[in-house]
C-alpha atoms as a PDB file:
ATOM      1  CA  MET A   1     -10.050 -21.130 -35.227  1.00  0.00           C
ATOM      2  CA  SER A   2      -6.821 -20.759 -36.761  1.00  0.00           C
ATOM      3  CA  THR A   3      -3.636 -22.958 -36.023  1.00  0.00           C
ATOM      4  CA  GLN A   4      -1.836 -19.892 -34.249  1.00  0.00           C
ATOM      5  CA  ALA A   5      -5.043 -19.158 -32.178  1.00  0.00           C
ATOM      6  CA  ARG A   6      -4.901 -22.976 -31.208  1.00  0.00           C
ATOM      7  CA  ARG A   7      -1.314 -23.096 -30.333  1.00  0.00           C
ATOM      8  CA  GLY A   8      -1.603 -19.936 -28.378  1.00  0.00           C
ATOM      9  CA  ASN A   9      -4.520 -21.440 -26.350  1.00  0.00           C
ATOM     10  CA  THR A  10      -2.398 -24.446 -25.745  1.00  0.00           C
ATOM     11  CA  ARG A  11       0.338 -22.336 -24.555  1.00  0.00           C
ATOM     12  CA  GLN A  12      -1.641 -20.462 -22.366  1.00  0.00           C
ATOM     13  CA  ARG A  13      -3.363 -23.553 -20.782  1.00  0.00           C
ATOM     14  CA  ILE A  14       0.282 -25.330 -19.969  1.00  0.00           C
ATOM     15  CA  GLN A  15       1.313 -21.789 -18.173  1.00  0.00           C
ATOM     16  CA  ASP A  16      -2.074 -21.879 -16.073  1.00  0.00           C
ATOM     17  CA  VAL A  17      -1.252 -25.509 -15.363  1.00  0.00           C
ATOM     18  CA  ALA A  18       1.985 -25.241 -14.512  1.00  0.00           C
ATOM     19  CA  LEU A  19       1.701 -22.057 -12.282  1.00  0.00           C
ATOM     20  CA  GLU A  20      -1.208 -24.008 -10.619  1.00  0.00           C
ATOM     21  CA  LEU A  21       1.219 -26.990  -9.747  1.00  0.00           C
ATOM     22  CA  PHE A  22       4.077 -24.855  -8.879  1.00  0.00           C
ATOM     23  CA  SER A  23       2.207 -23.055  -6.170  1.00  0.00           C
ATOM     24  CA  GLU A  24       0.403 -26.137  -5.023  1.00  0.00           C
ATOM     25  CA  GLN A  25       3.831 -28.476  -4.855  1.00  0.00           C
ATOM     26  CA  GLY A  26       6.585 -26.252  -5.264  1.00  0.00           C
ATOM     27  CA  TYR A  27       8.610 -25.672  -8.658  1.00  0.00           C
ATOM     28  CA  ASP A  28      11.396 -28.225  -7.507  1.00  0.00           C
ATOM     29  CA  LYS A  29       8.716 -30.872  -6.860  1.00  0.00           C
ATOM     30  CA  THR A  30       6.942 -30.337 -10.203  1.00  0.00           C
ATOM     31  CA  SER A  31       8.059 -32.444 -12.904  1.00  0.00           C
ATOM     32  CA  LEU A  32       7.144 -31.747 -16.856  1.00  0.00           C
ATOM     33  CA  ARG A  33       5.534 -34.882 -17.039  1.00  0.00           C
ATOM     34  CA  GLU A  34       2.910 -33.957 -14.443  1.00  0.00           C
ATOM     35  CA  ILE A  35       2.271 -31.000 -15.956  1.00  0.00           C
ATOM     36  CA  ALA A  36       1.538 -32.925 -19.020  1.00  0.00           C
ATOM     37  CA  GLU A  37      -0.613 -35.446 -17.357  1.00  0.00           C
ATOM     38  CA  LYS A  38      -2.566 -32.532 -16.009  1.00  0.00           C
ATOM     39  CA  LEU A  39      -3.384 -30.978 -19.152  1.00  0.00           C
ATOM     40  CA  ASP A  40      -3.887 -34.578 -20.684  1.00  0.00           C
ATOM     41  CA  VAL A  41      -1.247 -34.175 -23.538  1.00  0.00           C
ATOM     42  CA  THR A  42       1.739 -36.077 -24.488  1.00  0.00           C
ATOM     43  CA  LYS A  43       5.130 -34.523 -23.343  1.00  0.00           C
ATOM     44  CA  ALA A  44       6.257 -34.575 -26.873  1.00  0.00           C
ATOM     45  CA  ALA A  45       3.240 -31.726 -27.278  1.00  0.00           C
ATOM     46  CA  LEU A  46       4.334 -30.030 -24.204  1.00  0.00           C
ATOM     47  CA  TYR A  47       7.827 -29.874 -25.313  1.00  0.00           C
ATOM     48  CA  TYR A  48       6.751 -28.243 -28.761  1.00  0.00           C
ATOM     49  CA  HIS A  49       5.980 -24.999 -26.695  1.00  0.00           C
ATOM     50  CA  PHE A  50       8.621 -25.311 -23.938  1.00  0.00           C
ATOM     51  CA  LYS A  51      11.486 -27.363 -23.320  1.00  0.00           C
ATOM     52  CA  THR A  52      12.176 -26.956 -19.733  1.00  0.00           C
ATOM     53  CA  LYS A  53      10.243 -25.847 -16.756  1.00  0.00           C
ATOM     54  CA  GLU A  54      12.109 -22.799 -16.523  1.00  0.00           C
ATOM     55  CA  ASP A  55      10.857 -22.045 -20.170  1.00  0.00           C
ATOM     56  CA  ILE A  56       7.407 -21.857 -18.467  1.00  0.00           C
ATOM     57  CA  VAL A  57       8.369 -19.644 -15.850  1.00  0.00           C
ATOM     58  CA  ILE A  58      10.285 -17.332 -18.234  1.00  0.00           C
ATOM     59  CA  GLY A  59       7.090 -17.265 -20.446  1.00  0.00           C
ATOM     60  CA  LEU A  60       4.704 -16.541 -17.496  1.00  0.00           C
ATOM     61  CA  PHE A  61       7.051 -13.756 -16.105  1.00  0.00           C
ATOM     62  CA  GLN A  62       7.135 -11.989 -19.336  1.00  0.00           C
ATOM     63  CA  ASP A  63       3.448 -12.195 -20.117  1.00  0.00           C
ATOM     64  CA  LEU A  64       2.288 -11.288 -16.062  1.00  0.00           C
ATOM     65  CA  SER A  65       5.171  -8.824 -15.723  1.00  0.00           C
ATOM     66  CA  ARG A  66       4.174  -6.850 -18.811  1.00  0.00           C
ATOM     67  CA  PRO A  67       1.952  -4.689 -17.055  1.00  0.00           C
ATOM     68  CA  ILE A  68       4.706  -3.595 -14.661  1.00  0.00           C
ATOM     69  CA  ASP A  69       7.025  -2.588 -17.738  1.00  0.00           C
ATOM     70  CA  GLU A  70       4.324  -0.593 -19.007  1.00  0.00           C
ATOM     71  CA  LEU A  71       4.133   1.132 -15.689  1.00  0.00           C
ATOM     72  CA  ILE A  72       7.982   1.843 -15.656  1.00  0.00           C
ATOM     73  CA  VAL A  73       7.891   3.312 -19.013  1.00  0.00           C
ATOM     74  CA  TRP A  74       5.186   5.664 -18.254  1.00  0.00           C
ATOM     75  CA  ALA A  75       6.815   6.570 -14.809  1.00  0.00           C
ATOM     76  CA  GLU A  76       9.973   7.398 -16.376  1.00  0.00           C
ATOM     77  CA  GLY A  77       8.165  10.086 -18.156  1.00  0.00           C
ATOM     78  CA  GLN A  78       6.550  11.842 -15.276  1.00  0.00           C
ATOM     79  CA  PRO A  79       7.734  14.661 -13.400  1.00  0.00           C
ATOM     80  CA  ARG A  80       9.361  13.627  -9.884  1.00  0.00           C
ATOM     81  CA  THR A  81       6.410  15.049  -7.829  1.00  0.00           C
ATOM     82  CA  LEU A  82       4.691  13.768  -4.940  1.00  0.00           C
ATOM     83  CA  GLU A  83       1.388  13.450  -7.139  1.00  0.00           C
ATOM     84  CA  ALA A  84       3.196  11.488  -9.697  1.00  0.00           C
ATOM     85  CA  LYS A  85       4.842   9.087  -7.092  1.00  0.00           C
ATOM     86  CA  GLN A  86       1.240   8.826  -5.542  1.00  0.00           C
ATOM     87  CA  GLU A  87      -0.335   7.679  -8.812  1.00  0.00           C
ATOM     88  CA  LEU A  88       2.579   5.307  -9.585  1.00  0.00           C
ATOM     89  CA  ILE A  89       1.714   3.389  -6.354  1.00  0.00           C
ATOM     90  CA  ARG A  90      -1.929   3.376  -7.527  1.00  0.00           C
ATOM     91  CA  ARG A  91      -1.085   2.046 -10.739  1.00  0.00           C
ATOM     92  CA  TYR A  92       1.355  -0.424  -9.074  1.00  0.00           C
ATOM     93  CA  SER A  93      -1.604  -1.393  -7.395  1.00  0.00           C
ATOM     94  CA  GLU A  94      -3.756  -2.319 -10.560  1.00  0.00           C
ATOM     95  CA  SER A  95      -1.191  -3.928 -12.439  1.00  0.00           C
ATOM     96  CA  LEU A  96      -0.644  -6.415  -9.447  1.00  0.00           C
ATOM     97  CA  ARG A  97      -4.124  -7.758 -10.252  1.00  0.00           C
ATOM     98  CA  SER A  98      -3.157  -9.634 -13.505  1.00  0.00           C
ATOM     99  CA  ALA A  99       0.205 -10.347 -11.648  1.00  0.00           C
ATOM    100  CA  GLU A 100      -1.083 -11.750  -8.850  1.00  0.00           C
ATOM    101  CA  PRO A 101      -0.475 -15.425  -9.692  1.00  0.00           C
ATOM    102  CA  LEU A 102       3.119 -14.932 -10.734  1.00  0.00           C
ATOM    103  CA  PHE A 103       3.646 -13.169  -7.401  1.00  0.00           C
ATOM    104  CA  ARG A 104       2.367 -15.820  -5.506  1.00  0.00           C
ATOM    105  CA  PHE A 105       4.661 -18.122  -7.163  1.00  0.00           C
ATOM    106  CA  LEU A 106       7.430 -15.993  -6.470  1.00  0.00           C
ATOM    107  CA  GLN A 107       6.332 -15.865  -2.956  1.00  0.00           C
ATOM    108  CA  GLU A 108       6.010 -19.514  -2.254  1.00  0.00           C
ATOM    109  CA  ASN A 109       9.215 -20.514  -4.532  1.00  0.00           C
ATOM    110  CA  GLN A 110      11.588 -17.990  -3.116  1.00  0.00           C
ATOM    111  CA  ALA A 111      14.495 -20.774  -3.135  1.00  0.00           C
ATOM    112  CA  ALA A 112      14.044 -21.903  -6.437  1.00  0.00           C
ATOM    113  CA  VAL A 113      13.378 -18.737  -7.929  1.00  0.00           C
ATOM    114  CA  ARG A 114      16.932 -17.149  -6.759  1.00  0.00           C
ATOM    115  CA  ASP A 115      18.353 -20.022  -9.105  1.00  0.00           C
ATOM    116  CA  LEU A 116      16.231 -18.868 -12.341  1.00  0.00           C
ATOM    117  CA  SER A 117      16.914 -15.845 -14.381  1.00  0.00           C
ATOM    118  CA  ILE A 118      13.751 -14.538 -13.607  1.00  0.00           C
ATOM    119  CA  GLY A 119      14.904 -13.845 -10.217  1.00  0.00           C
ATOM    120  CA  GLU A 120      17.365 -11.465 -11.162  1.00  0.00           C
ATOM    121  CA  SER A 121      14.908  -9.852 -13.808  1.00  0.00           C
ATOM    122  CA  PHE A 122      12.150  -9.317 -10.849  1.00  0.00           C
ATOM    123  CA  LYS A 123      15.003  -7.695  -8.320  1.00  0.00           C
ATOM    124  CA  SER A 124      15.844  -5.074 -11.259  1.00  0.00           C
ATOM    125  CA  ARG A 125      11.836  -4.130 -11.794  1.00  0.00           C
ATOM    126  CA  MET A 126      11.644  -3.567  -7.976  1.00  0.00           C
ATOM    127  CA  LEU A 127      14.634  -1.816  -7.610  1.00  0.00           C
ATOM    128  CA  THR A 128      13.637   0.507 -10.904  1.00  0.00           C
ATOM    129  CA  LEU A 129      10.185   1.189  -9.156  1.00  0.00           C
ATOM    130  CA  PHE A 130      12.209   2.076  -5.975  1.00  0.00           C
ATOM    131  CA  GLY A 131      14.346   4.417  -7.933  1.00  0.00           C
ATOM    132  CA  LEU A 132      11.012   6.240  -9.196  1.00  0.00           C
ATOM    133  CA  LEU A 133       9.849   6.651  -5.829  1.00  0.00           C
ATOM    134  CA  ARG A 134      12.620   7.792  -3.745  1.00  0.00           C
ATOM    135  CA  GLU A 135      14.720  11.169  -4.219  1.00  0.00           C
ATOM    136  CA  PRO A 136      18.145  11.152  -4.770  1.00  0.00           C
ATOM    137  CA  GLY A 137      20.027  11.657  -1.787  1.00  0.00           C
ATOM    138  CA  SER A 138      17.109  11.081   0.632  1.00  0.00           C
ATOM    139  CA  GLU A 139      17.445  10.033   4.188  1.00  0.00           C
ATOM    140  CA  LEU A 140      17.665   6.045   4.845  1.00  0.00           C
ATOM    141  CA  THR A 141      14.372   6.116   6.753  1.00  0.00           C
ATOM    142  CA  ASP A 142      12.610   7.805   3.629  1.00  0.00           C
ATOM    143  CA  GLN A 143      14.157   4.886   1.326  1.00  0.00           C
ATOM    144  CA  VAL A 144      13.089   2.427   3.596  1.00  0.00           C
ATOM    145  CA  ARG A 145       9.605   3.828   3.528  1.00  0.00           C
ATOM    146  CA  CYS A 146       9.736   3.882  -0.607  1.00  0.00           C
ATOM    147  CA  MET A 147      10.876  -0.163  -0.293  1.00  0.00           C
ATOM    148  CA  THR A 148       8.239  -0.999   2.275  1.00  0.00           C
ATOM    149  CA  ALA A 149       5.435   0.635  -0.011  1.00  0.00           C
ATOM    150  CA  LEU A 150       6.230  -1.379  -2.674  1.00  0.00           C
ATOM    151  CA  PHE A 151       6.876  -4.580  -1.039  1.00  0.00           C
ATOM    152  CA  SER A 152       3.840  -4.281   1.397  1.00  0.00           C
ATOM    153  CA  MET A 153       1.675  -4.561  -1.714  1.00  0.00           C
ATOM    154  CA  HIS A 154       2.692  -7.654  -2.976  1.00  0.00           C
ATOM    155  CA  ALA A 155       3.660  -9.387   0.378  1.00  0.00           C
ATOM    156  CA  GLY A 156       0.027  -8.060   1.669  1.00  0.00           C
ATOM    157  CA  MET A 157      -1.969  -9.928  -0.947  1.00  0.00           C
ATOM    158  CA  PHE A 158      -1.028 -13.472   0.809  1.00  0.00           C
ATOM    159  CA  ALA A 159      -0.973 -11.781   4.296  1.00  0.00           C
ATOM    160  CA  MET A 160      -4.540 -10.262   4.058  1.00  0.00           C
ATOM    161  CA  GLN A 161      -5.789 -13.548   2.940  1.00  0.00           C
ATOM    162  CA  ASN A 162      -6.034 -14.530   6.592  1.00  0.00           C
ATOM    163  CA  LEU A 163      -7.859 -11.367   7.419  1.00  0.00           C
ATOM    164  CA  GLU A 164     -11.837 -10.900   7.166  1.00  0.00           C
ATOM    165  CA  GLY A 165     -13.163  -8.812   4.606  1.00  0.00           C
ATOM    166  CA  ASP A 166     -14.041  -7.947   1.083  1.00  0.00           C
ATOM    167  CA  PRO A 167     -11.013  -8.655  -1.157  1.00  0.00           C
ATOM    168  CA  GLU A 168     -11.322  -5.316  -2.764  1.00  0.00           C
ATOM    169  CA  GLU A 169     -11.580  -3.412   0.621  1.00  0.00           C
ATOM    170  CA  LYS A 170      -8.406  -5.213   1.531  1.00  0.00           C
ATOM    171  CA  ARG A 171      -6.685  -4.228  -1.584  1.00  0.00           C
ATOM    172  CA  ASN A 172      -7.811  -0.765  -1.105  1.00  0.00           C
ATOM    173  CA  ALA A 173      -6.323  -0.629   2.472  1.00  0.00           C
ATOM    174  CA  LEU A 174      -2.936  -1.959   1.272  1.00  0.00           C
ATOM    175  CA  LEU A 175      -2.859   0.675  -1.058  1.00  0.00           C
ATOM    176  CA  GLU A 176      -3.805   3.499   1.037  1.00  0.00           C
ATOM    177  CA  VAL A 177      -0.920   2.408   3.405  1.00  0.00           C
ATOM    178  CA  ALA A 178       1.640   2.013   0.806  1.00  0.00           C
ATOM    179  CA  THR A 179       0.319   5.558  -0.402  1.00  0.00           C
ATOM    180  CA  GLU A 180       0.872   6.821   3.335  1.00  0.00           C
ATOM    181  CA  LEU A 181       4.423   5.401   3.210  1.00  0.00           C
ATOM    182  CA  VAL A 182       5.115   7.204  -0.127  1.00  0.00           C
ATOM    183  CA  THR A 183       3.949  10.600   0.715  1.00  0.00           C
ATOM    184  CA  ALA A 184       5.786  10.579   4.117  1.00  0.00           C
ATOM    185  CA  ALA A 185       8.742   9.866   2.202  1.00  0.00           C
ATOM    186  CA  ASN A 186       8.258  12.870   0.238  1.00  0.00           C
ATOM    187  CA  PRO A 187       6.898  15.805   1.881  1.00  0.00           C
ATOM    188  CA  PRO A 188       6.254  18.465  -0.431  1.00  0.00           C
ATOM    189  CA  ASN A 189       8.513  21.160   1.522  1.00  0.00           C
ATOM    190  CA  ARG A 190      11.617  18.974   2.641  1.00  0.00           C
ATOM    191  CA  ARG A 191      14.804  19.348   0.801  1.00  0.00           C
ATOM    192  CA  PRO A 192      16.228  16.196  -0.206  1.00  0.00           C
ATOM    193  CA  ALA A 193      19.284  15.038   2.632  1.00  0.00           C
ATOM    194  CA  ARG A 194      22.834  15.953   0.972  1.00  0.00           C
ATOM    195  CA  PRO A 195      24.093  12.768  -0.906  1.00  0.00           C
ATOM    196  CA  ASP A 196      27.565  13.079   1.197  1.00  0.00           C
ATOM    197  CA  SER A 197      25.997  13.072   4.644  1.00  0.00           C
ATOM    198  CA  ALA A 198      23.130  10.328   4.036  1.00  0.00           C
ATOM    199  CA  GLN A 199      23.205   6.557   3.624  1.00  0.00           C
ATOM    200  CA  THR A 200      21.659   5.552   0.181  1.00  0.00           C
ATOM    201  CA  VAL A 201      20.576   2.272  -1.327  1.00  0.00           C
ATOM    202  CA  SER A 202      21.813   2.069  -4.604  1.00  0.00           C
ATOM    203  CA  PRO A 203      18.596   1.426  -6.991  1.00  0.00           C
END
């Protein structure tokens, strides 16, 4: 195994263990020393890859949010049809599979995330997806449907843990509800509301 590959594995292990501890104990209550001890490495070895806890989170966010970035690029090249928006929601559901640990961290460390640089990055991605789902000048209720469709999918991952059932069936149920919301917000024969007569949410 090459040195680069070994370093890559170490970096990944640090991220995995840190994310586990952040989710279990909270971001603020977890120290770099605890992460190093859990990994059975020295703090110096940890510092070689990450100088601060925020550096670890930024690396995690970049790695786990890459599928969402790719989805945004794809969606921006599609026509603004109902079919394209339904496909966007379906692909978003798929992207959450790999990003699930990140969303768990965001959900369980909301106060800490607000003070980290990734907080604004995450908000920006959500607003970009929202802008791709809603029609310009759409009614406020339809904008709420589009935003709820997005947040119901990753918030639902945690809420659904308390419901009995197969994980894949629960994931499909969340996707079905989100798709229904997007469809209701984008009926094929409805004209968009006039921008000067409707309340809008800036993307």
